Amino acid sequence: MKILGISAGFHDAAVSVIDNSEILFAGHAERYSKVKNDAHINDALISDALGYGNPDLVAYYERPWIKKLQQLQSGQYHEAFDFKNFTLDQYLRKHLSVSVHQERLLRCPRRFMSHHLSHAAAGFQTSPYTKATVVVIDAIGELDTISIYGAEYVNDRAKYTKLWGQRYPHSIGLFYSAMTDRVGLKAGEEEYIMMGMSAYGGQGLGDLLKRRLVKDEHAVTFKQNLHIGVDADFMDHAENEDIAAMSQDLAENLIYNVMKRARDFRWSSNLVYMGGVALNCLANRNLGKYFENIWIMPNPGDAGSSLGAAALAYGGRLNWRSAFLGHDIDGCYPTNDILDCLLSDCIVGVASGRAEFGPRALGNRSLLADPRGNEIKDRVNEIKRRQKFRPFAPVILEELVDQYFDMPGGWTDTRYMQIVGRCRRPDLFPAIVHVDGTSRIQTVPPDGSGIRELLEKWFVITGCPMLLNTSLNIRGEPMVNDRADTNRFEQLYKVKVCS
């Protein structure tokens, strides 16, 4: 049975296609429309998805009526009473202009899934576990903001038992977004920048922030509805870096309280962690204190729930191999061309193979650089037009990672830039070490991938087992997706892109 999953309407729309246990395709709308965090699907994305065949079922990542109830509760009355694109049929007719695309989707039966269960299924049904504690923490989906499930397979079908939850307006994700807005960044998009900023600040007012905003840190309840912003006048004269540091510290405190609660149910020592808050790799470094084994699907936010909705409809375990599930730029991985550029200029782009499903480039849509030069970080930031304080990540041969980084416990799969660890030799690799001495680490096992072959050859030539790896895009733009994007990037930003 071929199932097409859709996540759309709020931010970062995505589509996934599965055929029984096989994941055939998963892609982001923004990569096709070129609109960052595009909320809506488009014909180019659907064309790629339908290239894998006509679906037998369409699965949507949340339930529209419950969403309307949430909008009423949050005071979004205009959205709550706007029924122009309420049904999936209306939505598809509005956002797909190619009639054959409309026809092939509209004639399919469809199922609407719980928002948090879609998150949970995207994680559990791609995980290596037969039983796991699933924690979902996001900003707001339907009504839930935190969910803890006991997940297991019964007769080869995933079963989810709700153990605990928290509901709107009490939300760690909404708190973090409110503070992102408070430091002058774009809420709902630039939380990861505030996370990087937090390393530059101090905790002087952290206890006061918690007293002013948090009602019960163990139940994760707040004194204010942070959906409409944060009222904390004592921060008016605080530096943005200090606000970021306090916010990160408080968010971690609340996340770990949720993890303690989840652990104490004693359902499983395996953790599956999903929802947009699971992208906070700084908080993720301590999850091993609560669980023995940890899995975060590389796209834990709403876009990943397109795969989760399809997984729920299917019911069984999905065969997860890698995050390279999107648009395909065919041809062999240009290892030798990349090496030549690295050895001559130290910085090069690569756009080859299938695009990554998730917000982080993992080697197929990457800007790569030698991590050893003192000037490399500033050069890459200049190309990407980013703030100079922001860190870059290392991609390293898996078997050598412990020689260069102190790795957090509990992580058996570290391929996806989901954790930070302290660098043992920051003096040797200044381009990938943040001001606090940590790095966001991506390891590559001997999996036959292009990025693995590149690292092996780079190591033989230079004795360096890692490269700087960041996404092939400019701040505010989606990652490069296809050959046309590659050509545009080269012409505008004067960086060689190998494909």
Foldseek 3Di string as FASTA:
>chain_A
DKEKFWFADPWFIKIWIADQQETQFIDTQCQVVFAHRHRAHAAVRLVQVCVVDQGQEYFYQADLVLQLVVCVVVVVVVVSPDCCCRDVLSRCVVHYPDVVSSVSHVVHHYYYDHNVLLLQQLFPLADPDQWAWEWEAAQADRWWRIWIWTWHADVQFIDTHTDDTDTPLQHLHLLLLLLCVVLPHHRPHCSVVLLLLLVVADAPCLVVVCVQFPDDLLNRGTPDSSNVHDDDCVCVPPHSNHSSNSSVVSSLSSVVSVLQVSLVVVSALEYEYAEPVLQSQASVLASCVRHQAYTYPQARYSSSSSVSRRSNVSRHRHHDDFQQRHFADDDDFPLVVVVVCCVPPFKAFEAHTGAGNHQWGQPNQKIKGAQFDPCVQVVVCVLQVHDSQGAWAKEFAPVCVVVFWDGGGNYPAQARLSHKTATPCCNRGVRQAHPNRIGRYHYDYPPPDSVVVNQVVCCVVPVDGIITIGGCHHPSTGTNGYVVSQVVSCVPRVHHYHD
